[in-house]
């Protein structure tokens, strides 16, 4: 097993992208149930910059305790370098990818090595490189757990009731708001895999990308409001959220559903008049579900959109890119 030190991106104080620091730290040792992964690529996600900023978007009484300095990141693709004695199913040299320790904030993925729970990993799809594999875990599992199978019994911080995905088939119409982003572009493809008709909402520059992924209808939100041009949708997956989310209720048929990936403003009275379900969950690490996504990737049923890549040492530039928005697919850090 490697010993010594490694490069890692840490935050020593909360703030903007400028607080990301390229540090030299000890290589971790895998504990019980863990493997040591030599990281080849890291996918970046909104929780990364939420943590970097000190979770300012979370009410103070609900913020998790954040210990500094901290290594950011949850999404990795890499090669197994060492295996704890109690781990079965993985061996040194295996190529793996995973969402690590989420929803805790201790993934520590922005590094050359990471100690990873074996239960959070799956074999990397053979026909997908590390960059594309690293773009899958959080976004792909979010789309899977919202649309296909929740896969756990943990209570949600967003609602008392358990999230139950609506069965998707050839008679279902799904509108995806924010379809070009990480979660959105996976949700589009999973809905199409199940046979649903998909209406994709994004800015005009993403139309050809989303049509190639299978979108049946495209709405450029800079020109048309979805609620003005679409009716009788069975399900809205809102990967944008925010104060304007409630207007999407007007696209639903009676008895339809809205799944907000990010908190949105949905009027309870308006939802009740439509007998509409508004339901959310929080993505959780899940190796078996990731293996299912891996099989779809290997079969070519799913594709990973890569917005841009940056070397690990330029994590600050990657976060600056994320802050500019209008992301197509995923931003990934590469580790040499």
C-alpha atoms as a PDB file:
ATOM      1  CA  UNK A   1       0.000   0.000   0.000  1.00  0.00           C
ATOM      2  CA  UNK A   2       1.338   3.475  -0.836  1.00  0.00           C
ATOM      3  CA  UNK A   3       2.738   5.476   2.065  1.00  0.00           C
ATOM      4  CA  UNK A   4       3.876   9.055   2.343  1.00  0.00           C
ATOM      5  CA  UNK A   5       2.058  12.126   1.108  1.00  0.00           C
ATOM      6  CA  UNK A   6      -0.243  13.147  -1.718  1.00  0.00           C
ATOM      7  CA  UNK A   7      -1.681  16.260  -3.307  1.00  0.00           C
ATOM      8  CA  UNK A   8      -5.150  17.275  -2.121  1.00  0.00           C
ATOM      9  CA  UNK A   9      -7.356  20.331  -2.502  1.00  0.00           C
ATOM     10  CA  UNK A  10      -8.466  21.634   0.887  1.00  0.00           C
ATOM     11  CA  UNK A  11     -10.331  24.585   2.332  1.00  0.00           C
ATOM     12  CA  UNK A  12      -8.919  26.191   5.469  1.00  0.00           C
ATOM     13  CA  UNK A  13     -11.570  28.909   5.586  1.00  0.00           C
ATOM     14  CA  UNK A  14     -14.954  29.401   3.958  1.00  0.00           C
ATOM     15  CA  UNK A  15     -15.381  31.623   0.937  1.00  0.00           C
ATOM     16  CA  UNK A  16     -15.219  31.773  -2.845  1.00  0.00           C
ATOM     17  CA  UNK A  17     -13.120  29.668  -5.217  1.00  0.00           C
ATOM     18  CA  UNK A  18     -10.002  31.490  -4.045  1.00  0.00           C
ATOM     19  CA  UNK A  19     -10.043  29.564  -0.715  1.00  0.00           C
ATOM     20  CA  UNK A  20      -9.278  26.253  -2.466  1.00  0.00           C
ATOM     21  CA  UNK A  21      -5.693  25.375  -1.558  1.00  0.00           C
ATOM     22  CA  UNK A  22      -3.350  22.823  -3.140  1.00  0.00           C
ATOM     23  CA  UNK A  23      -1.930  21.008  -0.102  1.00  0.00           C
ATOM     24  CA  UNK A  24       0.398  18.103   0.633  1.00  0.00           C
ATOM     25  CA  UNK A  25      -1.241  15.665   3.092  1.00  0.00           C
ATOM     26  CA  UNK A  26      -0.707  12.070   4.275  1.00  0.00           C
ATOM     27  CA  UNK A  27      -2.067   9.291   2.058  1.00  0.00           C
ATOM     28  CA  UNK A  28      -5.040   7.788   3.954  1.00  0.00           C
ATOM     29  CA  UNK A  29      -5.188   4.171   5.090  1.00  0.00           C
ATOM     30  CA  UNK A  30      -8.336   2.192   4.344  1.00  0.00           C
ATOM     31  CA  UNK A  31     -10.307   1.231   7.435  1.00  0.00           C
ATOM     32  CA  UNK A  32     -12.691  -1.695   7.876  1.00  0.00           C
ATOM     33  CA  UNK A  33     -14.949  -2.085   4.850  1.00  0.00           C
ATOM     34  CA  UNK A  34     -12.843   0.297   2.765  1.00  0.00           C
ATOM     35  CA  UNK A  35     -10.486   0.250  -0.185  1.00  0.00           C
ATOM     36  CA  UNK A  36      -7.787   2.739  -1.092  1.00  0.00           C
ATOM     37  CA  UNK A  37      -8.420   4.233  -4.523  1.00  0.00           C
ATOM     38  CA  UNK A  38      -5.803   5.959  -6.623  1.00  0.00           C
ATOM     39  CA  UNK A  39      -7.944   8.728  -8.069  1.00  0.00           C
ATOM     40  CA  UNK A  40      -7.923   9.350 -11.822  1.00  0.00           C
ATOM     41  CA  UNK A  41     -10.819  11.799 -12.067  1.00  0.00           C
ATOM     42  CA  UNK A  42     -13.210  13.660  -9.759  1.00  0.00           C
ATOM     43  CA  UNK A  43     -16.671  14.926 -10.627  1.00  0.00           C
ATOM     44  CA  UNK A  44     -17.640  18.233  -9.046  1.00  0.00           C
ATOM     45  CA  UNK A  45     -21.136  18.898  -7.710  1.00  0.00           C
ATOM     46  CA  UNK A  46     -23.140  21.677  -6.037  1.00  0.00           C
ATOM     47  CA  UNK A  47     -22.480  20.324  -2.503  1.00  0.00           C
ATOM     48  CA  UNK A  48     -18.772  20.958  -3.151  1.00  0.00           C
ATOM     49  CA  UNK A  49     -19.278  24.697  -3.402  1.00  0.00           C
ATOM     50  CA  UNK A  50     -21.930  24.681  -0.666  1.00  0.00           C
ATOM     51  CA  UNK A  51     -19.291  23.270   1.688  1.00  0.00           C
ATOM     52  CA  UNK A  52     -16.626  25.651   0.366  1.00  0.00           C
ATOM     53  CA  UNK A  53     -18.945  28.563   1.206  1.00  0.00           C
ATOM     54  CA  UNK A  54     -19.746  27.225   4.687  1.00  0.00           C
ATOM     55  CA  UNK A  55     -23.248  25.938   3.800  1.00  0.00           C
ATOM     56  CA  UNK A  56     -24.647  29.462   3.711  1.00  0.00           C
ATOM     57  CA  UNK A  57     -27.702  28.204   1.827  1.00  0.00           C
ATOM     58  CA  UNK A  58     -28.726  26.038   4.812  1.00  0.00           C
ATOM     59  CA  UNK A  59     -30.532  27.586   7.829  1.00  0.00           C
ATOM     60  CA  UNK A  60     -28.045  27.950  10.719  1.00  0.00           C
ATOM     61  CA  UNK A  61     -29.937  25.511  12.954  1.00  0.00           C
ATOM     62  CA  UNK A  62     -29.770  22.799  10.280  1.00  0.00           C
ATOM     63  CA  UNK A  63     -26.204  23.229   9.081  1.00  0.00           C
ATOM     64  CA  UNK A  64     -23.973  20.204   9.604  1.00  0.00           C
ATOM     65  CA  UNK A  65     -20.785  20.666  11.567  1.00  0.00           C
ATOM     66  CA  UNK A  66     -17.901  21.362   9.196  1.00  0.00           C
ATOM     67  CA  UNK A  67     -14.376  20.729  10.439  1.00  0.00           C
ATOM     68  CA  UNK A  68     -11.522  22.617   8.781  1.00  0.00           C
ATOM     69  CA  UNK A  69      -9.260  22.064   6.971  1.00  0.00           C
ATOM     70  CA  UNK A  70     -11.379  19.817   4.779  1.00  0.00           C
ATOM     71  CA  UNK A  71     -10.861  17.981   1.494  1.00  0.00           C
ATOM     72  CA  UNK A  72     -13.872  18.525  -0.766  1.00  0.00           C
ATOM     73  CA  UNK A  73     -15.594  16.132  -3.141  1.00  0.00           C
ATOM     74  CA  UNK A  74     -17.611  12.930  -3.357  1.00  0.00           C
ATOM     75  CA  UNK A  75     -17.448  11.639  -6.976  1.00  0.00           C
ATOM     76  CA  UNK A  76     -14.437   9.566  -8.007  1.00  0.00           C
ATOM     77  CA  UNK A  77     -13.199   7.212 -10.661  1.00  0.00           C
ATOM     78  CA  UNK A  78      -9.914   5.431 -10.186  1.00  0.00           C
ATOM     79  CA  UNK A  79      -7.987   2.232  -9.502  1.00  0.00           C
ATOM     80  CA  UNK A  80      -7.987   0.128  -6.327  1.00  0.00           C
ATOM     81  CA  UNK A  81      -4.547   0.282  -4.689  1.00  0.00           C
ATOM     82  CA  UNK A  82      -5.243  -1.547  -1.422  1.00  0.00           C
ATOM     83  CA  UNK A  83      -8.122  -3.473   0.155  1.00  0.00           C
ATOM     84  CA  UNK A  84      -9.054  -3.867   3.832  1.00  0.00           C
ATOM     85  CA  UNK A  85      -9.005  -7.515   5.033  1.00  0.00           C
ATOM     86  CA  UNK A  86     -12.796  -7.656   5.442  1.00  0.00           C
ATOM     87  CA  UNK A  87     -13.627  -6.416   1.931  1.00  0.00           C
ATOM     88  CA  UNK A  88     -14.895  -8.879  -0.656  1.00  0.00           C
ATOM     89  CA  UNK A  89     -15.650  -8.220  -4.303  1.00  0.00           C
ATOM     90  CA  UNK A  90     -12.806  -5.794  -5.049  1.00  0.00           C
ATOM     91  CA  UNK A  91      -9.119  -6.453  -5.641  1.00  0.00           C
ATOM     92  CA  UNK A  92      -6.008  -4.382  -6.250  1.00  0.00           C
ATOM     93  CA  UNK A  93      -6.028  -3.166  -9.843  1.00  0.00           C
ATOM     94  CA  UNK A  94      -9.818  -3.007 -10.235  1.00  0.00           C
ATOM     95  CA  UNK A  95     -11.119   0.134 -11.927  1.00  0.00           C
ATOM     96  CA  UNK A  96     -13.960   1.587  -9.863  1.00  0.00           C
ATOM     97  CA  UNK A  97     -16.186   4.636  -9.557  1.00  0.00           C
ATOM     98  CA  UNK A  98     -18.409   5.860  -6.759  1.00  0.00           C
ATOM     99  CA  UNK A  99     -20.266   8.471  -4.745  1.00  0.00           C
ATOM    100  CA  UNK A 100     -18.454   8.515  -1.404  1.00  0.00           C
ATOM    101  CA  UNK A 101     -20.076   8.938   2.006  1.00  0.00           C
ATOM    102  CA  UNK A 102     -22.995  11.060   0.831  1.00  0.00           C
ATOM    103  CA  UNK A 103     -25.010  12.728   2.345  1.00  0.00           C
ATOM    104  CA  UNK A 104     -22.227  13.205   4.878  1.00  0.00           C
ATOM    105  CA  UNK A 105     -19.676  15.791   3.811  1.00  0.00           C
ATOM    106  CA  UNK A 106     -16.594  13.605   4.252  1.00  0.00           C
ATOM    107  CA  UNK A 107     -16.007  12.174   0.780  1.00  0.00           C
ATOM    108  CA  UNK A 108     -12.501  13.720   0.534  1.00  0.00           C
ATOM    109  CA  UNK A 109     -12.355  13.081  -3.206  1.00  0.00           C
ATOM    110  CA  UNK A 110     -10.275  16.090  -4.376  1.00  0.00           C
ATOM    111  CA  UNK A 111      -7.046  14.169  -3.871  1.00  0.00           C
ATOM    112  CA  UNK A 112      -4.608  11.735  -5.461  1.00  0.00           C
ATOM    113  CA  UNK A 113      -5.832   8.942  -3.166  1.00  0.00           C
ATOM    114  CA  UNK A 114      -9.024   8.391  -1.186  1.00  0.00           C
ATOM    115  CA  UNK A 115     -10.129   5.761   1.330  1.00  0.00           C
ATOM    116  CA  UNK A 116     -13.541   4.708   0.007  1.00  0.00           C
ATOM    117  CA  UNK A 117     -16.277   2.524   1.525  1.00  0.00           C
ATOM    118  CA  UNK A 118     -16.474  -0.547  -0.713  1.00  0.00           C
ATOM    119  CA  UNK A 119     -20.297  -0.437  -0.483  1.00  0.00           C
ATOM    120  CA  UNK A 120     -20.252   2.940  -2.233  1.00  0.00           C
ATOM    121  CA  UNK A 121     -18.285   1.704  -5.251  1.00  0.00           C
ATOM    122  CA  UNK A 122     -19.020  -0.178  -8.460  1.00  0.00           C
ATOM    123  CA  UNK A 123     -16.811  -1.470 -11.257  1.00  0.00           C
ATOM    124  CA  UNK A 124     -16.115   1.267 -13.769  1.00  0.00           C
ATOM    125  CA  UNK A 125     -17.879   0.561 -17.078  1.00  0.00           C
ATOM    126  CA  UNK A 126     -15.310  -0.955 -19.440  1.00  0.00           C
ATOM    127  CA  UNK A 127     -16.270   1.274 -22.369  1.00  0.00           C
ATOM    128  CA  UNK A 128     -16.227   4.532 -20.392  1.00  0.00           C
ATOM    129  CA  UNK A 129     -13.027   6.368 -19.465  1.00  0.00           C
ATOM    130  CA  UNK A 130     -12.287   7.729 -15.981  1.00  0.00           C
ATOM    131  CA  UNK A 131     -13.292  11.300 -16.878  1.00  0.00           C
ATOM    132  CA  UNK A 132     -16.760  10.246 -18.031  1.00  0.00           C
ATOM    133  CA  UNK A 133     -17.151   7.753 -15.164  1.00  0.00           C
ATOM    134  CA  UNK A 134     -16.357  10.463 -12.611  1.00  0.00           C
ATOM    135  CA  UNK A 135     -19.203  12.539 -14.046  1.00  0.00           C
ATOM    136  CA  UNK A 136     -21.787   9.904 -13.184  1.00  0.00           C
ATOM    137  CA  UNK A 137     -22.106   9.134  -9.454  1.00  0.00           C
ATOM    138  CA  UNK A 138     -23.985  11.954  -7.736  1.00  0.00           C
ATOM    139  CA  UNK A 139     -25.923  13.219 -10.750  1.00  0.00           C
ATOM    140  CA  UNK A 140     -26.700   9.744 -12.085  1.00  0.00           C
ATOM    141  CA  UNK A 141     -27.769   8.388  -8.708  1.00  0.00           C
ATOM    142  CA  UNK A 142     -29.911  11.469  -8.074  1.00  0.00           C
ATOM    143  CA  UNK A 143     -31.784  10.883 -11.332  1.00  0.00           C
ATOM    144  CA  UNK A 144     -32.058   7.147 -10.561  1.00  0.00           C
ATOM    145  CA  UNK A 145     -33.362   7.604  -6.999  1.00  0.00           C
ATOM    146  CA  UNK A 146     -35.863  10.293  -8.033  1.00  0.00           C
ATOM    147  CA  UNK A 147     -37.171   8.491 -11.138  1.00  0.00           C
ATOM    148  CA  UNK A 148     -36.428   4.756 -10.998  1.00  0.00           C
ATOM    149  CA  UNK A 149     -35.839   3.365  -7.502  1.00  0.00           C
ATOM    150  CA  UNK A 150     -35.233   5.079  -4.177  1.00  0.00           C
ATOM    151  CA  UNK A 151     -33.258   2.128  -2.859  1.00  0.00           C
ATOM    152  CA  UNK A 152     -33.180   3.025   0.847  1.00  0.00           C
ATOM    153  CA  UNK A 153     -35.414   3.637   3.860  1.00  0.00           C
ATOM    154  CA  UNK A 154     -33.626   6.647   5.304  1.00  0.00           C
ATOM    155  CA  UNK A 155     -35.935   9.532   6.169  1.00  0.00           C
ATOM    156  CA  UNK A 156     -35.724  12.562   3.927  1.00  0.00           C
ATOM    157  CA  UNK A 157     -34.791  15.976   5.349  1.00  0.00           C
ATOM    158  CA  UNK A 158     -37.237  17.484   2.844  1.00  0.00           C
ATOM    159  CA  UNK A 159     -40.503  15.691   3.707  1.00  0.00           C
ATOM    160  CA  UNK A 160     -42.050  13.234   6.161  1.00  0.00           C
ATOM    161  CA  UNK A 161     -43.418  10.836   3.530  1.00  0.00           C
ATOM    162  CA  UNK A 162     -41.148   8.375   1.734  1.00  0.00           C
ATOM    163  CA  UNK A 163     -40.440   9.355  -1.865  1.00  0.00           C
ATOM    164  CA  UNK A 164     -42.056   6.900  -4.287  1.00  0.00           C
ATOM    165  CA  UNK A 165     -41.039   7.248  -7.939  1.00  0.00           C
ATOM    166  CA  UNK A 166     -43.878   7.385 -10.464  1.00  0.00           C
ATOM    167  CA  UNK A 167     -43.765   4.356 -12.804  1.00  0.00           C
ATOM    168  CA  UNK A 168     -42.579   5.511 -16.228  1.00  0.00           C
ATOM    169  CA  UNK A 169     -43.731   3.926 -19.482  1.00  0.00           C
ATOM    170  CA  UNK A 170     -44.791   4.730 -23.044  1.00  0.00           C
ATOM    171  CA  UNK A 171     -47.907   6.485 -21.791  1.00  0.00           C
ATOM    172  CA  UNK A 172     -45.990   8.905 -19.549  1.00  0.00           C
ATOM    173  CA  UNK A 173     -44.911  12.450 -20.394  1.00  0.00           C
ATOM    174  CA  UNK A 174     -42.052  13.882 -18.346  1.00  0.00           C
ATOM    175  CA  UNK A 175     -40.944  17.519 -18.388  1.00  0.00           C
ATOM    176  CA  UNK A 176     -37.368  18.080 -17.232  1.00  0.00           C
ATOM    177  CA  UNK A 177     -36.482  21.610 -16.182  1.00  0.00           C
ATOM    178  CA  UNK A 178     -32.736  22.183 -16.370  1.00  0.00           C
ATOM    179  CA  UNK A 179     -32.366  19.252 -18.760  1.00  0.00           C
ATOM    180  CA  UNK A 180     -28.814  20.084 -19.897  1.00  0.00           C
ATOM    181  CA  UNK A 181     -27.255  19.960 -16.421  1.00  0.00           C
ATOM    182  CA  UNK A 182     -25.778  17.008 -14.582  1.00  0.00           C
ATOM    183  CA  UNK A 183     -28.970  15.563 -13.092  1.00  0.00           C
ATOM    184  CA  UNK A 184     -31.149  16.771 -15.963  1.00  0.00           C
ATOM    185  CA  UNK A 185     -29.309  15.066 -18.791  1.00  0.00           C
ATOM    186  CA  UNK A 186     -29.268  11.736 -16.919  1.00  0.00           C
ATOM    187  CA  UNK A 187     -32.955  12.080 -16.019  1.00  0.00           C
ATOM    188  CA  UNK A 188     -33.810  12.667 -19.682  1.00  0.00           C
ATOM    189  CA  UNK A 189     -32.024   9.490 -20.742  1.00  0.00           C
ATOM    190  CA  UNK A 190     -33.470   7.345 -17.943  1.00  0.00           C
ATOM    191  CA  UNK A 191     -37.002   8.516 -18.746  1.00  0.00           C
ATOM    192  CA  UNK A 192     -36.444   7.639 -22.415  1.00  0.00           C
ATOM    193  CA  UNK A 193     -35.037   4.242 -21.397  1.00  0.00           C
ATOM    194  CA  UNK A 194     -38.365   3.574 -19.669  1.00  0.00           C
ATOM    195  CA  UNK A 195     -40.269   4.633 -22.799  1.00  0.00           C
ATOM    196  CA  UNK A 196     -41.557   8.013 -21.630  1.00  0.00           C
ATOM    197  CA  UNK A 197     -42.050  11.049 -23.834  1.00  0.00           C
ATOM    198  CA  UNK A 198     -39.673  13.787 -22.650  1.00  0.00           C
ATOM    199  CA  UNK A 199     -40.017  17.560 -22.865  1.00  0.00           C
ATOM    200  CA  UNK A 200     -36.605  19.149 -22.206  1.00  0.00           C
ATOM    201  CA  UNK A 201     -36.325  22.728 -20.903  1.00  0.00           C
ATOM    202  CA  UNK A 202     -32.988  24.545 -21.209  1.00  0.00           C
ATOM    203  CA  UNK A 203     -31.444  27.536 -22.975  1.00  0.00           C
ATOM    204  CA  UNK A 204     -31.349  27.443 -26.776  1.00  0.00           C
ATOM    205  CA  UNK A 205     -27.676  26.559 -27.101  1.00  0.00           C
ATOM    206  CA  UNK A 206     -28.353  23.125 -25.613  1.00  0.00           C
ATOM    207  CA  UNK A 207     -31.072  22.046 -28.040  1.00  0.00           C
ATOM    208  CA  UNK A 208     -28.955  19.850 -30.327  1.00  0.00           C
ATOM    209  CA  UNK A 209     -27.268  18.181 -27.321  1.00  0.00           C
ATOM    210  CA  UNK A 210     -30.639  17.325 -25.757  1.00  0.00           C
ATOM    211  CA  UNK A 211     -32.189  16.192 -29.029  1.00  0.00           C
ATOM    212  CA  UNK A 212     -29.255  13.798 -29.471  1.00  0.00           C
ATOM    213  CA  UNK A 213     -29.983  12.385 -26.012  1.00  0.00           C
ATOM    214  CA  UNK A 214     -33.569  11.683 -27.059  1.00  0.00           C
ATOM    215  CA  UNK A 215     -35.657  14.718 -26.122  1.00  0.00           C
ATOM    216  CA  UNK A 216     -39.005  14.587 -27.962  1.00  0.00           C
ATOM    217  CA  UNK A 217     -39.714  18.287 -27.474  1.00  0.00           C
ATOM    218  CA  UNK A 218     -37.411  21.167 -26.581  1.00  0.00           C
ATOM    219  CA  UNK A 219     -38.357  24.451 -24.927  1.00  0.00           C
ATOM    220  CA  UNK A 220     -35.908  27.364 -24.895  1.00  0.00           C
ATOM    221  CA  UNK A 221     -36.846  29.042 -21.614  1.00  0.00           C
ATOM    222  CA  UNK A 222     -35.313  32.325 -22.811  1.00  0.00           C
ATOM    223  CA  UNK A 223     -38.049  32.488 -25.466  1.00  0.00           C
ATOM    224  CA  UNK A 224     -40.998  30.579 -23.998  1.00  0.00           C
ATOM    225  CA  UNK A 225     -42.203  29.813 -20.494  1.00  0.00           C
ATOM    226  CA  UNK A 226     -42.948  26.090 -20.184  1.00  0.00           C
ATOM    227  CA  UNK A 227     -46.261  26.720 -18.443  1.00  0.00           C
ATOM    228  CA  UNK A 228     -47.415  28.771 -21.428  1.00  0.00           C
ATOM    229  CA  UNK A 229     -46.786  26.080 -24.053  1.00  0.00           C
ATOM    230  CA  UNK A 230     -47.076  22.687 -22.317  1.00  0.00           C
ATOM    231  CA  UNK A 231     -50.095  20.995 -20.738  1.00  0.00           C
ATOM    232  CA  UNK A 232     -51.062  17.588 -19.353  1.00  0.00           C
ATOM    233  CA  UNK A 233     -47.609  16.492 -18.210  1.00  0.00           C
ATOM    234  CA  UNK A 234     -47.552  13.469 -15.884  1.00  0.00           C
ATOM    235  CA  UNK A 235     -44.322  14.375 -14.122  1.00  0.00           C
ATOM    236  CA  UNK A 236     -42.075  17.397 -13.796  1.00  0.00           C
ATOM    237  CA  UNK A 237     -38.514  16.797 -12.654  1.00  0.00           C
ATOM    238  CA  UNK A 238     -37.294  20.254 -11.647  1.00  0.00           C
ATOM    239  CA  UNK A 239     -33.495  20.278 -11.595  1.00  0.00           C
ATOM    240  CA  UNK A 240     -33.435  24.077 -11.210  1.00  0.00           C
ATOM    241  CA  UNK A 241     -35.679  24.861  -8.231  1.00  0.00           C
ATOM    242  CA  UNK A 242     -35.811  28.295  -6.691  1.00  0.00           C
ATOM    243  CA  UNK A 243     -38.650  30.746  -6.341  1.00  0.00           C
ATOM    244  CA  UNK A 244     -40.001  30.271  -9.861  1.00  0.00           C
ATOM    245  CA  UNK A 245     -40.533  26.533  -9.543  1.00  0.00           C
ATOM    246  CA  UNK A 246     -44.188  26.768  -8.573  1.00  0.00           C
ATOM    247  CA  UNK A 247     -45.232  27.930 -12.032  1.00  0.00           C
ATOM    248  CA  UNK A 248     -44.387  24.465 -13.369  1.00  0.00           C
ATOM    249  CA  UNK A 249     -47.469  23.121 -11.584  1.00  0.00           C
ATOM    250  CA  UNK A 250     -49.453  24.649 -14.443  1.00  0.00           C
ATOM    251  CA  UNK A 251     -47.931  22.168 -16.903  1.00  0.00           C
ATOM    252  CA  UNK A 252     -49.340  19.165 -14.991  1.00  0.00           C
ATOM    253  CA  UNK A 253     -52.385  17.084 -15.691  1.00  0.00           C
ATOM    254  CA  UNK A 254     -54.748  16.442 -12.775  1.00  0.00           C
ATOM    255  CA  UNK A 255     -53.070  13.958 -10.424  1.00  0.00           C
ATOM    256  CA  UNK A 256     -49.585  14.647 -11.784  1.00  0.00           C
ATOM    257  CA  UNK A 257     -46.359  15.035  -9.806  1.00  0.00           C
ATOM    258  CA  UNK A 258     -43.463  17.451  -9.377  1.00  0.00           C
ATOM    259  CA  UNK A 259     -40.090  16.234  -8.145  1.00  0.00           C
ATOM    260  CA  UNK A 260     -37.887  19.188  -7.099  1.00  0.00           C
ATOM    261  CA  UNK A 261     -34.213  18.203  -7.017  1.00  0.00           C
ATOM    262  CA  UNK A 262     -33.451  21.547  -5.351  1.00  0.00           C
ATOM    263  CA  UNK A 263     -35.917  23.288  -3.018  1.00  0.00           C
ATOM    264  CA  UNK A 264     -38.542  25.271  -4.903  1.00  0.00           C
ATOM    265  CA  UNK A 265     -41.555  27.432  -4.142  1.00  0.00           C
ATOM    266  CA  UNK A 266     -44.624  25.255  -4.791  1.00  0.00           C
ATOM    267  CA  UNK A 267     -47.979  26.664  -3.690  1.00  0.00           C
ATOM    268  CA  UNK A 268     -49.752  24.053  -1.548  1.00  0.00           C
ATOM    269  CA  UNK A 269     -53.221  25.296  -2.520  1.00  0.00           C
ATOM    270  CA  UNK A 270     -52.485  25.169  -6.233  1.00  0.00           C
ATOM    271  CA  UNK A 271     -50.999  21.680  -5.849  1.00  0.00           C
ATOM    272  CA  UNK A 272     -54.082  20.536  -3.899  1.00  0.00           C
ATOM    273  CA  UNK A 273     -56.451  21.781  -6.619  1.00  0.00           C
ATOM    274  CA  UNK A 274     -54.558  19.629  -9.120  1.00  0.00           C
ATOM    275  CA  UNK A 275     -54.364  16.704  -6.687  1.00  0.00           C
ATOM    276  CA  UNK A 276     -50.649  16.962  -7.471  1.00  0.00           C
ATOM    277  CA  UNK A 277     -47.848  15.223  -5.602  1.00  0.00           C
ATOM    278  CA  UNK A 278     -44.781  17.310  -4.745  1.00  0.00           C
ATOM    279  CA  UNK A 279     -42.078  14.899  -3.616  1.00  0.00           C
ATOM    280  CA  UNK A 280     -38.320  14.985  -3.113  1.00  0.00           C
ATOM    281  CA  UNK A 281     -35.561  12.917  -1.622  1.00  0.00           C
ATOM    282  CA  UNK A 282     -31.852  13.247  -0.875  1.00  0.00           C
ATOM    283  CA  UNK A 283     -29.437  11.201  -2.923  1.00  0.00           C
ATOM    284  CA  UNK A 284     -27.441   8.636  -0.990  1.00  0.00           C
ATOM    285  CA  UNK A 285     -24.366   6.575  -1.862  1.00  0.00           C
ATOM    286  CA  UNK A 286     -25.353   3.209  -3.338  1.00  0.00           C
ATOM    287  CA  UNK A 287     -22.906   0.859  -5.027  1.00  0.00           C
ATOM    288  CA  UNK A 288     -25.491  -1.594  -6.464  1.00  0.00           C
ATOM    289  CA  UNK A 289     -27.494   1.207  -8.090  1.00  0.00           C
ATOM    290  CA  UNK A 290     -24.293   2.645  -9.515  1.00  0.00           C
ATOM    291  CA  UNK A 291     -23.562  -0.788 -10.997  1.00  0.00           C
ATOM    292  CA  UNK A 292     -26.964  -0.629 -12.736  1.00  0.00           C
ATOM    293  CA  UNK A 293     -26.038   2.759 -14.189  1.00  0.00           C
ATOM    294  CA  UNK A 294     -22.699   1.279 -15.237  1.00  0.00           C
ATOM    295  CA  UNK A 295     -24.444  -1.447 -17.227  1.00  0.00           C
ATOM    296  CA  UNK A 296     -26.522   1.175 -19.042  1.00  0.00           C
ATOM    297  CA  UNK A 297     -23.373   3.156 -19.791  1.00  0.00           C
ATOM    298  CA  UNK A 298     -21.582   0.103 -21.144  1.00  0.00           C
ATOM    299  CA  UNK A 299     -24.581  -0.713 -23.345  1.00  0.00           C
ATOM    300  CA  UNK A 300     -24.616   2.836 -24.755  1.00  0.00           C
ATOM    301  CA  UNK A 301     -28.095   3.478 -23.308  1.00  0.00           C
ATOM    302  CA  UNK A 302     -26.670   6.316 -21.198  1.00  0.00           C
ATOM    303  CA  UNK A 303     -24.116   8.918 -22.227  1.00  0.00           C
ATOM    304  CA  UNK A 304     -22.206  11.320 -20.003  1.00  0.00           C
ATOM    305  CA  UNK A 305     -22.026  14.931 -21.123  1.00  0.00           C
ATOM    306  CA  UNK A 306     -18.739  16.596 -20.150  1.00  0.00           C
ATOM    307  CA  UNK A 307     -18.878  20.360 -19.930  1.00  0.00           C
ATOM    308  CA  UNK A 308     -15.168  20.847 -19.207  1.00  0.00           C
ATOM    309  CA  UNK A 309     -12.162  19.297 -17.469  1.00  0.00           C
ATOM    310  CA  UNK A 310      -9.464  20.834 -15.272  1.00  0.00           C
ATOM    311  CA  UNK A 311      -6.364  19.374 -13.605  1.00  0.00           C
ATOM    312  CA  UNK A 312      -6.788  18.797  -9.862  1.00  0.00           C
ATOM    313  CA  UNK A 313      -4.428  21.680  -9.117  1.00  0.00           C
ATOM    314  CA  UNK A 314      -6.830  24.001 -10.984  1.00  0.00           C
ATOM    315  CA  UNK A 315      -9.862  23.177  -8.863  1.00  0.00           C
ATOM    316  CA  UNK A 316     -10.336  26.904  -8.340  1.00  0.00           C
ATOM    317  CA  UNK A 317     -10.847  27.365 -12.097  1.00  0.00           C
ATOM    318  CA  UNK A 318     -13.355  24.513 -12.113  1.00  0.00           C
ATOM    319  CA  UNK A 319     -15.369  26.182  -9.349  1.00  0.00           C
ATOM    320  CA  UNK A 320     -15.205  29.481 -11.216  1.00  0.00           C
ATOM    321  CA  UNK A 321     -16.574  27.713 -14.286  1.00  0.00           C
ATOM    322  CA  UNK A 322     -19.416  26.275 -12.208  1.00  0.00           C
ATOM    323  CA  UNK A 323     -20.265  29.714 -10.846  1.00  0.00           C
ATOM    324  CA  UNK A 324     -20.865  30.996 -14.386  1.00  0.00           C
ATOM    325  CA  UNK A 325     -23.715  28.507 -14.803  1.00  0.00           C
ATOM    326  CA  UNK A 326     -25.283  27.152 -18.020  1.00  0.00           C
ATOM    327  CA  UNK A 327     -23.348  23.909 -17.533  1.00  0.00           C
ATOM    328  CA  UNK A 328     -23.787  21.167 -20.143  1.00  0.00           C
ATOM    329  CA  UNK A 329     -23.345  17.863 -18.360  1.00  0.00           C
ATOM    330  CA  UNK A 330     -20.542  17.671 -15.815  1.00  0.00           C
ATOM    331  CA  UNK A 331     -17.341  19.464 -14.834  1.00  0.00           C
ATOM    332  CA  UNK A 332     -14.540  17.026 -13.979  1.00  0.00           C
ATOM    333  CA  UNK A 333     -11.103  17.302 -12.366  1.00  0.00           C
ATOM    334  CA  UNK A 334      -8.369  15.073 -13.754  1.00  0.00           C
ATOM    335  CA  UNK A 335      -5.615  13.540 -11.620  1.00  0.00           C
ATOM    336  CA  UNK A 336      -2.336  12.508 -13.248  1.00  0.00           C
END
